[in-house]
Amino acid sequence: MYKAFRFILSALLAAACCGPKDGEYSFHILTTNDIHGTYFDSTYVDGRTQNSMLAANYFVDSVRTAAGKDNVILIDAGDFLQGNNAAYYYNYVETGVPHVFSRMVDYMDYDAIVWGNHDVETGHPVYDRISREIEGFGIPFLGGNAIKEDGKPYFPVYTILKKNKVKIAVLGFNNANIKAWLDESIWSGMHFESLIPLVQQDVDMVIAKEKPQIVIVAVHSGTGDGDGSVLESQGLDLYKSLKGVDVLVCAHDHRPFVTDNGTIALLNSGSHSRNLGHGIVDLTIKKHKVVAKSVKSGLIPIRKEMADPEMRKAFQKDYEAVKAFTLKEVGELKTDLRLSDAFAGMSDYLNLIHTVSLGCEPAQISIAAPLNQRGVIKAGKLVYNDLFTLYQYENQLSVVKLSGKEVKDYLEASYDLWIRTAAKPGDRVLNIHNLPDARTGLERWSFVGASYNFDSMAGINYTVDVTKPAGERITISSMADGTPFDPTATYNVAMTSYRASGGGGTLDKIGVDTDRIEERVVKKYPEIRDMIYEYLKEHGSIDPAVIGDPKVIGHWEFIPESIAGPGIARDMRLLFGD
């Protein structure tokens, strides 16, 4: 009897000592998201600097020093493998060593990593490799709503951390809208479920199984408006509905936003290493149980000049390798290339994209939009870094069948995003408004819609009448070579994989079922940036006379000039200055 009593007592004491001691606890949750390749504090050209993970580490270490390392949880909420040449270099060029991001999150001692939609965009060979590397460093790589054909998650749903013997559950989920943006071959073997009701179901499962004292959910989903209408931005939807969660980490929309109601905090640090999300969870534990809990939310601005010198030294060889790759000469530019010109009419910037796309058999028509609003690439020597300015995303090219009517309807839908109806000289033509800037608070002019959806076409000749209402603006006169354009014919149309998958919603607006787009796909090509590189290797230069050949790309313009010309010129000055 006595031995049995001693055994039971020992078991109870062992259980008690494994849990947190009675007392007050304060945990700091630090978050990053949408880093987009800002690993280093240099842009590699012109001596310019940028926010970076090097600077983020300085502020992370500062909090750890002040609060105690065991009282800090560090999480990234996705989109770390795409955005600039450093990410590209370690994704596709230097693959013989662990990715620099994998090694940096190990150096910074992250507690969990959640993947995002642009990480999916890199393809299986890249994200499968990086997930293995990160997990090899002992850091969980989470993505609970990527579901395999057998119903199990492709990546783990959650991890359990122990800090000061307090059990902390971290659950991670990717964006639910992947299918609308990316070709299925990139995410083969899985599908992505909506975060509602999945996250709550998984939270309930983890609480029942693990009995954590703190629950953190990190999602690569935008904050949104909380009205349940936007699949890619379910942050506030979750914030309003989740039970049993202390901190919700959001991402994706690049909009810094934090809020809390005392029981749950929402953290979205924005993007590009500009801020750390900062949540604080205070606990009171008595008799090994949580009897009181409160949460607070905030942002810690990251100052780019505070880059950690020790971390810089540790990754100096990586920086030098990326810089050498970045400055590799790739060809010549015959004239200055001003990216903003694409919003006022035909431009050398988009003529290049169209020319490259139309060079891909069997394309007859090309669809392309400006992916960058600002910047000028000066005439002269081109280096690889310039290709990221020209084309910053890893979009592939698809050639898709559209009817002539669908081509015309597509243009109507695109220009309806881009312009408004103008009745007389002096009326506004571009669809812009004057709103406070999210970061500075100062008012500035910007497009009402997302400018990366402002598609134009090449391979045909057409006009856009700014005096006509939506749906009646486009007149297609002929193909680029002068042959008739037939609304009843079928054309092979080159477009990004993002568009073909439904990105931007334009195909869906004109009645094309993007869930069945494979039935229309004629051919697929590699990443468009790579094809621009191949074009330069073949031609040696970007020459406006070549990429602007009307017999290849056709011609389009806004009409009538008396109204469109001065209106667009004024709107461009409001947007971009003189």
Protein backbone atom coordinates (compact mmCIF):
# COMPACT_ATOMS: atom_id res chain seq x y z
CA MET A 1 0.00 0.00 0.00
CA TYR A 2 2.78 2.43 0.97
CA LYS A 3 4.72 1.69 -2.25
CA ALA A 4 1.55 2.25 -4.28
CA PHE A 5 0.95 5.57 -2.49
CA ARG A 6 4.55 6.66 -3.14
CA PHE A 7 4.18 5.75 -6.83
CA ILE A 8 0.97 7.77 -7.19
CA LEU A 9 2.48 10.72 -5.31
CA SER A 10 5.59 10.63 -7.46
CA ALA A 11 3.49 10.55 -10.60
CA LEU A 12 1.47 13.55 -9.45
CA LEU A 13 4.60 15.48 -8.53
CA ALA A 14 6.19 14.64 -11.88
CA ALA A 15 3.10 15.85 -13.71
CA ALA A 16 3.08 19.05 -11.71
CA CYS A 17 6.73 19.83 -12.28
CA CYS A 18 6.34 19.40 -16.02
CA GLY A 19 3.75 22.17 -16.18
CA PRO A 20 4.25 25.89 -15.58
CA LYS A 21 4.78 27.14 -12.05
CA ASP A 22 2.23 29.41 -10.45
CA GLY A 23 2.86 33.06 -11.16
CA GLU A 24 2.66 35.86 -13.72
CA TYR A 25 3.93 35.34 -17.27
CA SER A 26 4.34 37.71 -20.18
CA PHE A 27 5.06 36.41 -23.67
CA HIS A 28 6.04 38.54 -26.67
CA ILE A 29 4.89 37.26 -30.07
CA LEU A 30 6.99 38.78 -32.87
CA THR A 31 5.91 38.28 -36.45
CA THR A 32 7.17 38.88 -39.97
CA ASN A 33 5.36 38.30 -43.24
CA ASP A 34 5.67 39.04 -46.95
CA ILE A 35 9.44 39.47 -46.69
CA HIS A 36 9.66 38.95 -50.47
CA GLY A 37 13.38 38.32 -50.61
CA THR A 38 14.50 41.28 -48.48
CA TYR A 39 17.21 39.18 -46.88
CA PHE A 40 19.96 41.78 -47.26
CA ASP A 41 19.97 45.53 -46.62
CA SER A 42 21.35 46.36 -50.07
CA THR A 43 19.58 46.44 -53.43
CA TYR A 44 22.97 45.44 -54.95
CA VAL A 45 23.04 48.45 -57.31
CA ASP A 46 23.68 52.19 -56.96
CA GLY A 47 24.61 51.90 -53.28
CA ARG A 48 20.94 51.97 -52.24
CA THR A 49 19.77 50.29 -49.04
CA GLN A 50 16.49 48.69 -48.02
CA ASN A 51 14.74 47.17 -45.05
CA SER A 52 15.91 43.64 -44.44
CA MET A 53 15.97 40.56 -42.27
CA LEU A 54 19.37 41.81 -41.08
CA ALA A 55 17.65 44.84 -39.54
CA ALA A 56 14.70 42.79 -38.29
CA ASN A 57 17.15 40.62 -36.34
CA TYR A 58 18.47 43.66 -34.47
CA PHE A 59 14.98 44.42 -33.16
CA VAL A 60 14.18 40.77 -32.44
CA ASP A 61 17.35 40.50 -30.37
CA SER A 62 16.47 43.72 -28.56
CA VAL A 63 13.13 42.29 -27.44
CA ARG A 64 14.76 39.01 -26.44
CA THR A 65 17.34 40.87 -24.38
CA ALA A 66 14.69 42.94 -22.62
CA ALA A 67 12.07 40.22 -22.09
CA GLY A 68 14.20 37.09 -21.90
CA LYS A 69 14.65 34.70 -24.80
CA ASP A 70 12.25 32.13 -23.35
CA ASN A 71 9.49 34.73 -23.30
CA VAL A 72 9.64 35.49 -27.04
CA ILE A 73 7.99 33.61 -29.93
CA LEU A 74 9.10 34.47 -33.49
CA ILE A 75 6.88 33.48 -36.45
CA ASP A 76 6.88 34.18 -40.19
CA ALA A 77 3.55 34.11 -42.04
CA GLY A 78 4.70 33.50 -45.61
CA ASP A 79 5.82 34.91 -48.96
CA PHE A 80 9.55 34.70 -48.33
CA LEU A 81 10.71 32.91 -51.51
CA GLN A 82 9.77 35.48 -54.16
CA GLY A 83 10.27 39.17 -54.75
CA ASN A 84 13.84 39.94 -55.72
CA ASN A 85 17.05 38.55 -57.10
CA ALA A 86 18.31 37.09 -53.80
CA ALA A 87 15.28 34.81 -53.55
CA TYR A 88 15.51 33.94 -57.24
CA TYR A 89 19.23 33.15 -57.03
CA TYR A 90 18.81 30.65 -54.20
CA ASN A 91 15.57 29.25 -55.62
CA TYR A 92 16.86 28.38 -59.07
CA VAL A 93 20.57 29.17 -59.56
CA GLU A 94 22.51 28.17 -56.44
CA THR A 95 20.72 25.02 -55.32
CA GLY A 96 23.75 23.09 -54.12
CA VAL A 97 23.67 24.62 -50.63
CA PRO A 98 20.78 25.24 -48.23
CA HIS A 99 18.73 28.27 -49.25
CA VAL A 100 19.86 31.51 -47.65
CA PHE A 101 16.37 32.02 -46.19
CA SER A 102 16.51 28.60 -44.52
CA ARG A 103 19.84 29.48 -42.95
CA MET A 104 18.69 32.95 -41.93
CA VAL A 105 15.59 31.73 -40.07
CA ASP A 106 17.83 29.23 -38.30
CA TYR A 107 20.26 32.02 -37.41
CA MET A 108 17.39 34.20 -36.12
CA ASP A 109 15.91 31.24 -34.20
CA TYR A 110 12.40 31.37 -35.62
CA ASP A 111 9.86 29.19 -33.85
CA ALA A 112 7.61 28.49 -36.86
CA ILE A 113 7.33 29.27 -40.57
CA VAL A 114 4.08 29.36 -42.56
CA TRP A 115 4.18 29.31 -46.37
CA GLY A 116 2.36 31.80 -48.61
CA ASN A 117 0.94 31.92 -52.12
CA HIS A 118 4.14 33.30 -53.68
CA ASP A 119 6.06 30.48 -52.01
CA VAL A 120 3.71 28.04 -53.76
CA GLU A 121 4.47 29.93 -56.99
CA THR A 122 8.09 28.74 -56.94
CA GLY A 123 6.95 25.16 -57.60
CA HIS A 124 7.40 21.78 -55.96
CA PRO A 125 11.18 21.48 -56.48
CA VAL A 126 11.75 24.75 -54.60
CA TYR A 127 9.24 24.74 -51.76
CA ASP A 128 9.62 21.03 -51.06
CA ARG A 129 13.38 21.53 -50.78
CA ILE A 130 13.11 24.61 -48.57
CA SER A 131 10.54 22.96 -46.29
CA ARG A 132 12.92 20.02 -45.77
CA GLU A 133 15.81 22.38 -45.04
CA ILE A 134 13.86 24.46 -42.54
CA GLU A 135 12.48 21.40 -40.78
CA GLY A 136 16.03 20.03 -40.78
CA PHE A 137 17.00 23.03 -38.66
CA GLY A 138 14.27 22.05 -36.20
CA ILE A 139 11.81 24.76 -37.28
CA PRO A 140 8.25 23.64 -38.12
CA PHE A 141 7.05 24.46 -41.66
CA LEU A 142 3.26 24.78 -41.44
CA GLY A 143 0.40 24.82 -43.93
CA GLY A 144 -2.65 23.01 -42.59
CA ASN A 145 -5.13 23.86 -45.36
CA ALA A 146 -3.06 22.31 -48.17
CA ILE A 147 -4.83 18.95 -48.28
CA LYS A 148 -3.53 15.86 -50.09
CA GLU A 149 -5.72 13.45 -52.02
CA ASP A 150 -5.86 11.13 -48.98
CA GLY A 151 -7.36 13.94 -46.90
CA LYS A 152 -4.21 14.57 -44.85
CA PRO A 153 -2.39 17.92 -44.80
CA TYR A 154 0.62 18.29 -47.10
CA PHE A 155 2.46 20.22 -44.37
CA PRO A 156 1.85 20.02 -40.60
CA VAL A 157 -1.13 21.87 -39.16
CA TYR A 158 0.53 22.88 -35.90
CA THR A 159 3.50 22.70 -33.57
CA ILE A 160 3.78 22.82 -29.78
CA LEU A 161 6.35 25.14 -28.21
CA LYS A 162 7.46 25.05 -24.57
CA LYS A 163 8.52 28.39 -23.13
CA ASN A 164 9.09 28.55 -19.37
CA LYS A 165 7.14 25.27 -19.27
CA VAL A 166 4.12 27.07 -20.71
CA LYS A 167 2.66 25.09 -23.61
CA ILE A 168 2.08 27.23 -26.71
CA ALA A 169 0.30 25.91 -29.79
CA VAL A 170 1.09 27.52 -33.15
CA LEU A 171 -1.16 26.63 -36.09
CA GLY A 172 -0.31 27.70 -39.65
CA PHE A 173 -2.33 27.98 -42.87
CA ASN A 174 -1.75 29.24 -46.42
CA ASN A 175 -4.06 31.38 -48.53
CA ALA A 176 -7.26 29.64 -49.58
CA ASN A 177 -7.39 31.23 -53.04
CA ILE A 178 -4.36 29.52 -54.64
CA LYS A 179 -6.44 27.88 -57.37
CA ALA A 180 -7.49 31.29 -58.71
CA TRP A 181 -3.89 32.39 -59.34
CA LEU A 182 -1.55 29.50 -60.02
CA ASP A 183 -1.45 26.68 -62.54
CA GLU A 184 -2.40 23.38 -60.93
CA SER A 185 0.90 21.78 -61.94
CA ILE A 186 2.64 24.03 -59.42
CA TRP A 187 0.61 22.66 -56.50
CA SER A 188 -0.12 19.17 -57.81
CA GLY A 189 -1.17 16.56 -55.28
CA MET A 190 -3.07 18.94 -53.02
CA HIS A 191 -5.90 21.45 -52.83
CA PHE A 192 -6.39 24.46 -50.57
CA GLU A 193 -9.41 24.72 -48.30
CA SER A 194 -11.11 27.86 -47.04
CA LEU A 195 -9.88 28.96 -43.61
CA ILE A 196 -13.47 29.08 -42.43
CA PRO A 197 -14.51 26.73 -40.86
CA LEU A 198 -11.25 24.73 -41.12
CA VAL A 199 -9.16 26.85 -38.73
CA GLN A 200 -11.70 26.65 -35.92
CA GLN A 201 -11.99 22.90 -36.39
CA ASP A 202 -8.23 22.49 -36.16
CA VAL A 203 -8.00 24.84 -33.17
CA ASP A 204 -10.63 22.77 -31.36
CA MET A 205 -8.72 19.59 -32.19
CA VAL A 206 -5.41 20.99 -30.92
CA ILE A 207 -6.94 22.35 -27.70
CA ALA A 208 -8.60 19.01 -26.96
CA LYS A 209 -5.46 17.01 -27.74
CA GLU A 210 -2.64 19.21 -26.44
CA LYS A 211 -4.33 21.45 -23.83
CA PRO A 212 -2.07 24.46 -24.49
CA GLN A 213 -2.04 27.57 -22.33
CA ILE A 214 -1.62 29.89 -25.37
CA VAL A 215 -2.94 29.41 -28.93
CA ILE A 216 -1.49 31.30 -31.90
CA VAL A 217 -2.89 31.02 -35.44
CA ALA A 218 -0.78 32.31 -38.35
CA VAL A 219 -2.45 32.57 -41.76
CA HIS A 220 -1.13 33.85 -45.07
CA SER A 221 -4.41 35.63 -45.68
CA GLY A 222 -5.15 39.32 -45.99
CA THR A 223 -6.77 41.26 -43.17
CA GLY A 224 -9.81 42.02 -45.34
CA ASP A 225 -12.96 43.87 -44.33
CA GLY A 226 -14.47 41.16 -42.18
CA ASP A 227 -17.60 40.77 -44.31
CA GLY A 228 -16.85 37.21 -45.39
CA SER A 229 -16.82 38.08 -49.08
CA VAL A 230 -13.14 37.74 -50.05
CA LEU A 231 -11.60 34.27 -49.97
CA GLU A 232 -8.02 35.56 -50.12
CA SER A 233 -8.51 37.99 -47.19
CA GLN A 234 -10.13 36.16 -44.30
CA GLY A 235 -8.20 37.79 -41.46
CA LEU A 236 -10.95 39.87 -39.87
CA ASP A 237 -13.45 37.10 -40.60
CA LEU A 238 -11.31 34.84 -38.40
CA TYR A 239 -10.68 37.55 -35.81
CA LYS A 240 -14.42 38.01 -35.31
CA SER A 241 -15.27 34.33 -35.16
CA LEU A 242 -12.39 32.31 -33.67
CA LYS A 243 -12.80 30.87 -30.19
CA GLY A 244 -9.90 29.76 -28.02
CA VAL A 245 -7.26 31.75 -29.97
CA ASP A 246 -5.08 34.39 -28.32
CA VAL A 247 -3.12 35.77 -31.28
CA LEU A 248 -4.03 35.74 -34.97
CA VAL A 249 -1.24 36.56 -37.44
CA CYS A 250 -2.30 37.74 -40.92
CA ALA A 251 -0.32 38.57 -44.08
CA HIS A 252 -0.65 38.76 -47.86
CA ASP A 253 -2.10 42.25 -48.45
CA HIS A 254 1.06 44.19 -47.45
CA ARG A 255 -1.09 46.42 -45.23
CA PRO A 256 0.22 46.97 -41.69
CA PHE A 257 -2.70 46.47 -39.34
CA VAL A 258 -3.06 45.49 -35.68
CA THR A 259 -5.99 45.36 -33.32
CA ASP A 260 -7.11 43.56 -30.17
CA ASN A 261 -10.15 43.31 -27.94
CA GLY A 262 -8.41 42.10 -24.79
CA THR A 263 -8.96 38.41 -25.55
CA ILE A 264 -7.58 38.08 -29.10
CA ALA A 265 -4.99 40.16 -30.96
CA LEU A 266 -4.61 40.46 -34.74
CA LEU A 267 -1.14 41.20 -36.14
CA ASN A 268 -0.29 42.04 -39.76
CA SER A 269 3.18 43.57 -40.02
CA GLY A 270 2.78 44.69 -43.65
CA SER A 271 5.61 43.60 -45.92
CA HIS A 272 9.25 43.82 -46.98
CA SER A 273 10.73 43.77 -43.46
CA ARG A 274 9.36 47.22 -42.62
CA ASN A 275 7.77 46.22 -39.28
CA LEU A 276 7.57 43.48 -36.73
CA GLY A 277 4.13 42.51 -35.55
CA HIS A 278 4.21 42.59 -31.75
CA GLY A 279 1.66 40.85 -29.58
CA ILE A 280 1.88 40.45 -25.83
CA VAL A 281 0.05 37.70 -23.95
CA ASP A 282 -0.05 38.05 -20.16
CA LEU A 283 -0.95 34.99 -18.09
CA THR A 284 -1.70 34.34 -14.45
CA ILE A 285 -1.28 30.71 -13.43
CA LYS A 286 -2.51 29.26 -10.14
CA LYS A 287 -2.43 25.60 -9.22
CA HIS A 288 -0.91 25.02 -12.69
CA LYS A 289 -3.98 26.42 -14.44
CA VAL A 290 -4.51 29.68 -16.32
CA VAL A 291 -6.85 31.81 -14.22
CA ALA A 292 -6.37 35.13 -16.06
CA LYS A 293 -5.21 36.09 -19.54
CA SER A 294 -5.01 39.32 -21.54
CA VAL A 295 -3.55 40.26 -24.92
CA LYS A 296 -2.23 43.42 -26.55
CA SER A 297 -1.23 44.21 -30.14
CA GLY A 298 1.30 46.57 -31.68
CA LEU A 299 3.89 47.17 -34.38
CA ILE A 300 7.64 47.70 -34.04
CA PRO A 301 8.98 49.79 -36.96
CA ILE A 302 12.20 48.34 -38.37
CA ARG A 303 14.86 50.93 -39.20
CA LYS A 304 16.84 49.76 -42.21
CA GLU A 305 20.08 51.35 -40.97
CA MET A 306 20.03 49.09 -37.89
CA ALA A 307 21.15 45.99 -39.80
CA ASP A 308 22.84 43.53 -37.44
CA PRO A 309 26.60 43.64 -38.19
CA GLU A 310 27.21 40.12 -36.87
CA MET A 311 24.46 38.67 -39.03
CA ARG A 312 25.77 40.62 -42.03
CA LYS A 313 29.19 39.09 -41.47
CA ALA A 314 27.71 35.59 -41.18
CA PHE A 315 26.00 35.93 -44.59
CA GLN A 316 28.53 38.12 -46.41
CA LYS A 317 29.51 35.37 -48.87
CA ASP A 318 25.87 34.88 -49.78
CA TYR A 319 25.44 38.59 -50.37
CA GLU A 320 28.51 38.72 -52.60
CA ALA A 321 27.25 35.77 -54.64
CA VAL A 322 23.85 37.41 -55.17
CA LYS A 323 25.46 40.73 -56.06
CA ALA A 324 27.70 39.12 -58.69
CA PHE A 325 24.69 37.40 -60.22
CA THR A 326 22.66 40.62 -60.07
CA LEU A 327 25.27 42.67 -61.92
CA LYS A 328 25.86 40.14 -64.68
CA GLU A 329 25.51 41.88 -68.05
CA VAL A 330 22.64 40.49 -70.14
CA GLY A 331 22.33 42.89 -73.08
CA GLU A 332 21.73 46.47 -74.14
CA LEU A 333 18.79 48.86 -73.93
CA LYS A 334 18.58 51.25 -76.87
CA THR A 335 16.43 53.89 -75.12
CA ASP A 336 15.23 54.81 -71.65
CA LEU A 337 12.37 52.61 -70.50
CA ARG A 338 9.84 54.46 -68.32
CA LEU A 339 7.49 51.93 -66.72
CA SER A 340 4.67 54.38 -65.99
CA ASP A 341 4.25 55.04 -69.73
CA ALA A 342 2.21 51.82 -69.89
CA PHE A 343 -0.80 53.56 -68.30
CA ALA A 344 -1.03 56.28 -70.97
CA GLY A 345 -1.05 54.06 -74.07
CA MET A 346 1.32 51.79 -75.95
CA SER A 347 4.76 51.68 -74.35
CA ASP A 348 8.15 50.11 -74.95
CA TYR A 349 7.79 48.40 -71.57
CA LEU A 350 4.74 46.36 -72.56
CA ASN A 351 5.76 46.11 -76.22
CA LEU A 352 8.70 44.02 -74.99
CA ILE A 353 6.43 41.66 -73.02
CA HIS A 354 4.04 41.38 -75.97
CA THR A 355 6.86 40.73 -78.45
CA VAL A 356 8.33 37.96 -76.29
CA SER A 357 4.89 36.41 -75.78
CA LEU A 358 3.99 36.51 -79.48
CA GLY A 359 7.26 34.77 -80.24
CA CYS A 360 5.87 31.70 -78.50
CA GLU A 361 4.13 29.49 -81.02
CA PRO A 362 1.22 29.21 -81.63
CA ALA A 363 0.30 32.57 -80.04
CA GLN A 364 -1.62 35.00 -82.28
CA ILE A 365 -2.64 37.54 -79.64
CA SER A 366 -0.88 38.58 -76.42
CA ILE A 367 -2.38 39.85 -73.16
CA ALA A 368 -0.11 41.71 -70.72
CA ALA A 369 -0.36 44.24 -67.89
CA PRO A 370 2.20 46.49 -66.16
CA LEU A 371 3.51 44.81 -63.02
CA ASN A 372 5.46 47.83 -61.89
CA GLN A 373 4.12 51.39 -61.72
CA ARG A 374 7.29 53.38 -61.25
CA GLY A 375 10.89 53.41 -62.29
CA VAL A 376 13.09 54.14 -65.25
CA ILE A 377 15.64 51.79 -66.78
CA LYS A 378 18.25 53.94 -68.45
CA ALA A 379 19.55 53.27 -71.94
CA GLY A 380 22.84 51.40 -72.06
CA LYS A 381 24.11 48.19 -70.53
CA LEU A 382 21.47 45.92 -69.03
CA VAL A 383 22.28 43.74 -66.03
CA TYR A 384 20.25 40.87 -64.65
CA ASN A 385 18.85 43.13 -61.93
CA ASP A 386 17.01 45.10 -64.62
CA LEU A 387 15.03 42.00 -65.51
CA PHE A 388 13.50 42.03 -62.03
CA THR A 389 12.43 45.62 -62.59
CA LEU A 390 10.88 44.61 -65.91
CA TYR A 391 9.23 41.49 -64.55
CA GLN A 392 9.24 40.88 -60.81
CA TYR A 393 7.03 37.77 -60.60
CA GLU A 394 7.65 34.13 -61.49
CA ASN A 395 4.64 33.99 -63.82
CA GLN A 396 4.69 31.32 -66.48
CA LEU A 397 3.15 31.82 -69.93
CA SER A 398 0.09 29.94 -71.16
CA VAL A 399 -1.41 29.99 -74.64
CA VAL A 400 -5.20 29.74 -74.30
CA LYS A 401 -8.03 29.47 -76.83
CA LEU A 402 -10.46 32.42 -76.83
CA SER A 403 -13.13 33.31 -79.33
CA GLY A 404 -12.99 36.65 -81.10
CA LYS A 405 -15.99 37.77 -79.07
CA GLU A 406 -14.23 36.77 -75.83
CA VAL A 407 -11.15 38.75 -76.90
CA LYS A 408 -13.28 41.86 -77.39
CA ASP A 409 -15.20 41.29 -74.14
CA TYR A 410 -11.91 40.79 -72.29
CA LEU A 411 -10.63 44.17 -73.49
CA GLU A 412 -13.89 45.85 -72.46
CA ALA A 413 -13.59 44.38 -68.96
CA SER A 414 -9.91 45.34 -68.66
CA TYR A 415 -10.31 48.97 -69.73
CA ASP A 416 -13.33 49.32 -67.45
CA LEU A 417 -10.88 48.87 -64.57
CA TRP A 418 -8.40 51.28 -66.12
CA ILE A 419 -10.42 54.30 -67.32
CA ARG A 420 -13.68 56.14 -66.74
CA THR A 421 -16.01 57.76 -69.26
CA ALA A 422 -15.06 61.33 -70.19
CA ALA A 423 -17.51 63.63 -71.97
CA LYS A 424 -15.37 66.69 -72.71
CA PRO A 425 -11.81 68.03 -72.60
CA GLY A 426 -10.74 68.46 -68.99
CA ASP A 427 -12.66 65.42 -67.68
CA ARG A 428 -10.70 62.80 -65.82
CA VAL A 429 -9.90 59.75 -67.97
CA LEU A 430 -7.84 57.40 -65.80
CA ASN A 431 -9.73 55.72 -62.96
CA ILE A 432 -7.87 57.36 -60.06
CA HIS A 433 -8.70 58.87 -56.69
CA ASN A 434 -6.98 60.90 -53.97
CA LEU A 435 -6.63 59.03 -50.66
CA PRO A 436 -4.32 59.05 -47.63
CA ASP A 437 -1.28 56.82 -48.03
CA ALA A 438 -1.45 53.83 -45.66
CA ARG A 439 2.14 54.35 -44.46
CA THR A 440 2.57 58.14 -44.42
CA GLY A 441 -0.99 59.36 -43.90
CA LEU A 442 -0.42 61.97 -46.62
CA GLU A 443 -2.94 62.21 -49.44
CA ARG A 444 -1.78 61.00 -52.82
CA TRP A 445 -3.33 60.05 -56.13
CA SER A 446 -3.54 56.36 -56.95
CA PHE A 447 -5.50 54.02 -59.18
CA VAL A 448 -8.85 52.86 -57.82
CA GLY A 449 -8.17 49.31 -58.99
CA ALA A 450 -5.08 47.12 -58.98
CA SER A 451 -2.96 48.33 -61.91
CA TYR A 452 -1.49 44.86 -62.49
CA ASN A 453 -4.94 44.00 -63.88
CA PHE A 454 -4.81 46.72 -66.57
CA ASP A 455 -4.32 44.40 -69.53
CA SER A 456 -3.72 45.55 -73.09
CA MET A 457 -3.41 43.31 -76.12
CA ALA A 458 -1.00 42.93 -79.01
CA GLY A 459 -1.34 41.11 -82.30
CA ILE A 460 -4.44 43.14 -83.16
CA ASN A 461 -5.30 46.74 -84.04
CA TYR A 462 -7.91 48.43 -81.85
CA THR A 463 -9.06 51.68 -80.33
CA VAL A 464 -10.44 52.58 -76.90
CA ASP A 465 -13.06 55.36 -77.02
CA VAL A 466 -12.97 57.15 -73.67
CA THR A 467 -16.27 58.92 -74.36
CA LYS A 468 -18.24 55.66 -74.58
CA PRO A 469 -19.75 53.78 -71.62
CA ALA A 470 -18.31 50.54 -70.30
CA GLY A 471 -18.86 47.68 -72.73
CA GLU A 472 -18.89 49.92 -75.80
CA ARG A 473 -15.37 51.36 -75.84
CA ILE A 474 -13.41 48.81 -77.89
CA THR A 475 -13.30 48.66 -81.68
CA ILE A 476 -11.04 45.97 -83.17
CA SER A 477 -10.25 46.80 -86.80
CA SER A 478 -7.99 43.90 -87.82
CA MET A 479 -5.19 41.56 -86.88
CA ALA A 480 -1.69 43.07 -86.73
CA ASP A 481 -0.87 41.84 -90.22
CA GLY A 482 -3.98 43.48 -91.66
CA THR A 483 -6.08 40.34 -92.03
CA PRO A 484 -9.68 40.58 -90.76
CA PHE A 485 -10.49 40.03 -87.10
CA ASP A 486 -13.39 37.59 -86.78
CA PRO A 487 -15.57 37.60 -83.63
CA THR A 488 -16.66 34.04 -84.42
CA ALA A 489 -13.15 32.65 -84.93
CA THR A 490 -10.95 31.00 -82.29
CA TYR A 491 -7.60 32.62 -81.45
CA ASN A 492 -4.56 31.40 -79.53
CA VAL A 493 -3.99 34.01 -76.85
CA ALA A 494 -0.80 34.23 -74.75
CA MET A 495 -1.32 35.24 -71.12
CA THR A 496 0.29 34.67 -67.76
CA SER A 497 -0.44 31.51 -65.81
CA TYR A 498 -1.87 33.86 -63.17
CA ARG A 499 -4.47 35.14 -65.65
CA ALA A 500 -5.21 31.70 -67.07
CA SER A 501 -5.90 30.39 -63.56
CA GLY A 502 -8.39 33.19 -62.95
CA GLY A 503 -6.12 35.78 -61.32
CA GLY A 504 -7.68 39.24 -61.42
CA GLY A 505 -11.05 37.76 -62.29
CA THR A 506 -11.18 39.10 -65.86
CA LEU A 507 -11.66 35.72 -67.55
CA ASP A 508 -14.41 34.87 -65.10
CA LYS A 509 -16.13 38.19 -65.82
CA ILE A 510 -16.46 37.32 -69.50
CA GLY A 511 -17.80 33.83 -68.81
CA VAL A 512 -14.66 31.71 -69.16
CA ASP A 513 -14.73 28.87 -66.63
CA THR A 514 -11.20 29.00 -65.21
CA ASP A 515 -11.85 25.81 -63.24
CA ARG A 516 -11.79 24.09 -66.65
CA ILE A 517 -9.10 26.25 -68.25
CA GLU A 518 -6.97 23.20 -69.10
CA GLU A 519 -9.52 22.38 -71.80
CA ARG A 520 -8.54 25.65 -73.50
CA VAL A 521 -4.77 25.57 -72.92
CA VAL A 522 -2.86 24.96 -76.16
CA LYS A 523 0.69 25.19 -74.83
CA LYS A 524 2.63 26.21 -71.72
CA TYR A 525 5.96 28.01 -71.52
CA PRO A 526 8.47 28.75 -68.71
CA GLU A 527 8.68 31.88 -66.57
CA ILE A 528 8.28 35.09 -68.57
CA ARG A 529 11.37 36.70 -67.05
CA ASP A 530 13.44 33.76 -68.23
CA MET A 531 12.00 34.18 -71.72
CA ILE A 532 13.00 37.87 -71.70
CA TYR A 533 16.51 36.74 -70.78
CA GLU A 534 16.50 34.26 -73.68
CA TYR A 535 15.27 37.04 -75.99
CA LEU A 536 18.23 39.19 -74.95
CA LYS A 537 20.67 36.35 -75.49
CA GLU A 538 19.29 35.90 -79.01
CA HIS A 539 18.88 39.56 -80.03
CA GLY A 540 21.49 41.25 -77.84
CA SER A 541 19.36 44.33 -77.17
CA ILE A 542 15.94 45.78 -76.52
CA ASP A 543 15.33 48.04 -79.50
CA PRO A 544 12.04 50.05 -79.69
CA ALA A 545 12.08 49.71 -83.47
CA VAL A 546 12.08 45.92 -83.17
CA ILE A 547 9.73 45.39 -80.21
CA GLY A 548 7.39 48.05 -81.59
CA ASP A 549 6.95 46.51 -85.04
CA PRO A 550 3.24 47.14 -85.84
CA LYS A 551 3.18 44.15 -88.20
CA VAL A 552 3.86 41.94 -85.17
CA ILE A 553 2.25 43.65 -82.19
CA GLY A 554 -0.33 45.79 -83.97
CA HIS A 555 -1.45 49.14 -82.62
CA TRP A 556 -3.91 50.50 -80.08
CA GLU A 557 -4.74 53.97 -78.78
CA PHE A 558 -7.17 56.00 -76.70
CA ILE A 559 -9.58 58.13 -78.76
CA PRO A 560 -10.67 60.83 -79.38
CA GLU A 561 -7.29 62.52 -78.96
CA SER A 562 -8.92 65.89 -78.18
CA ILE A 563 -10.36 64.46 -74.95
CA ALA A 564 -8.13 61.48 -74.16
CA GLY A 565 -4.80 63.24 -74.75
CA PRO A 566 -5.06 66.18 -72.32
CA GLY A 567 -7.08 64.20 -69.78
CA ILE A 568 -4.58 61.36 -69.54
CA ALA A 569 -1.63 63.78 -69.50
CA ARG A 570 -3.11 65.60 -66.51
CA ASP A 571 -3.97 62.35 -64.70
CA MET A 572 -0.46 61.04 -65.25
CA ARG A 573 0.98 64.20 -63.68
CA LEU A 574 -1.25 63.67 -60.63
CA LEU A 575 -0.07 60.08 -60.32
CA PHE A 576 3.60 60.36 -61.17
CA GLY A 577 4.49 64.06 -61.16
CA ASP A 578 6.37 65.74 -63.98
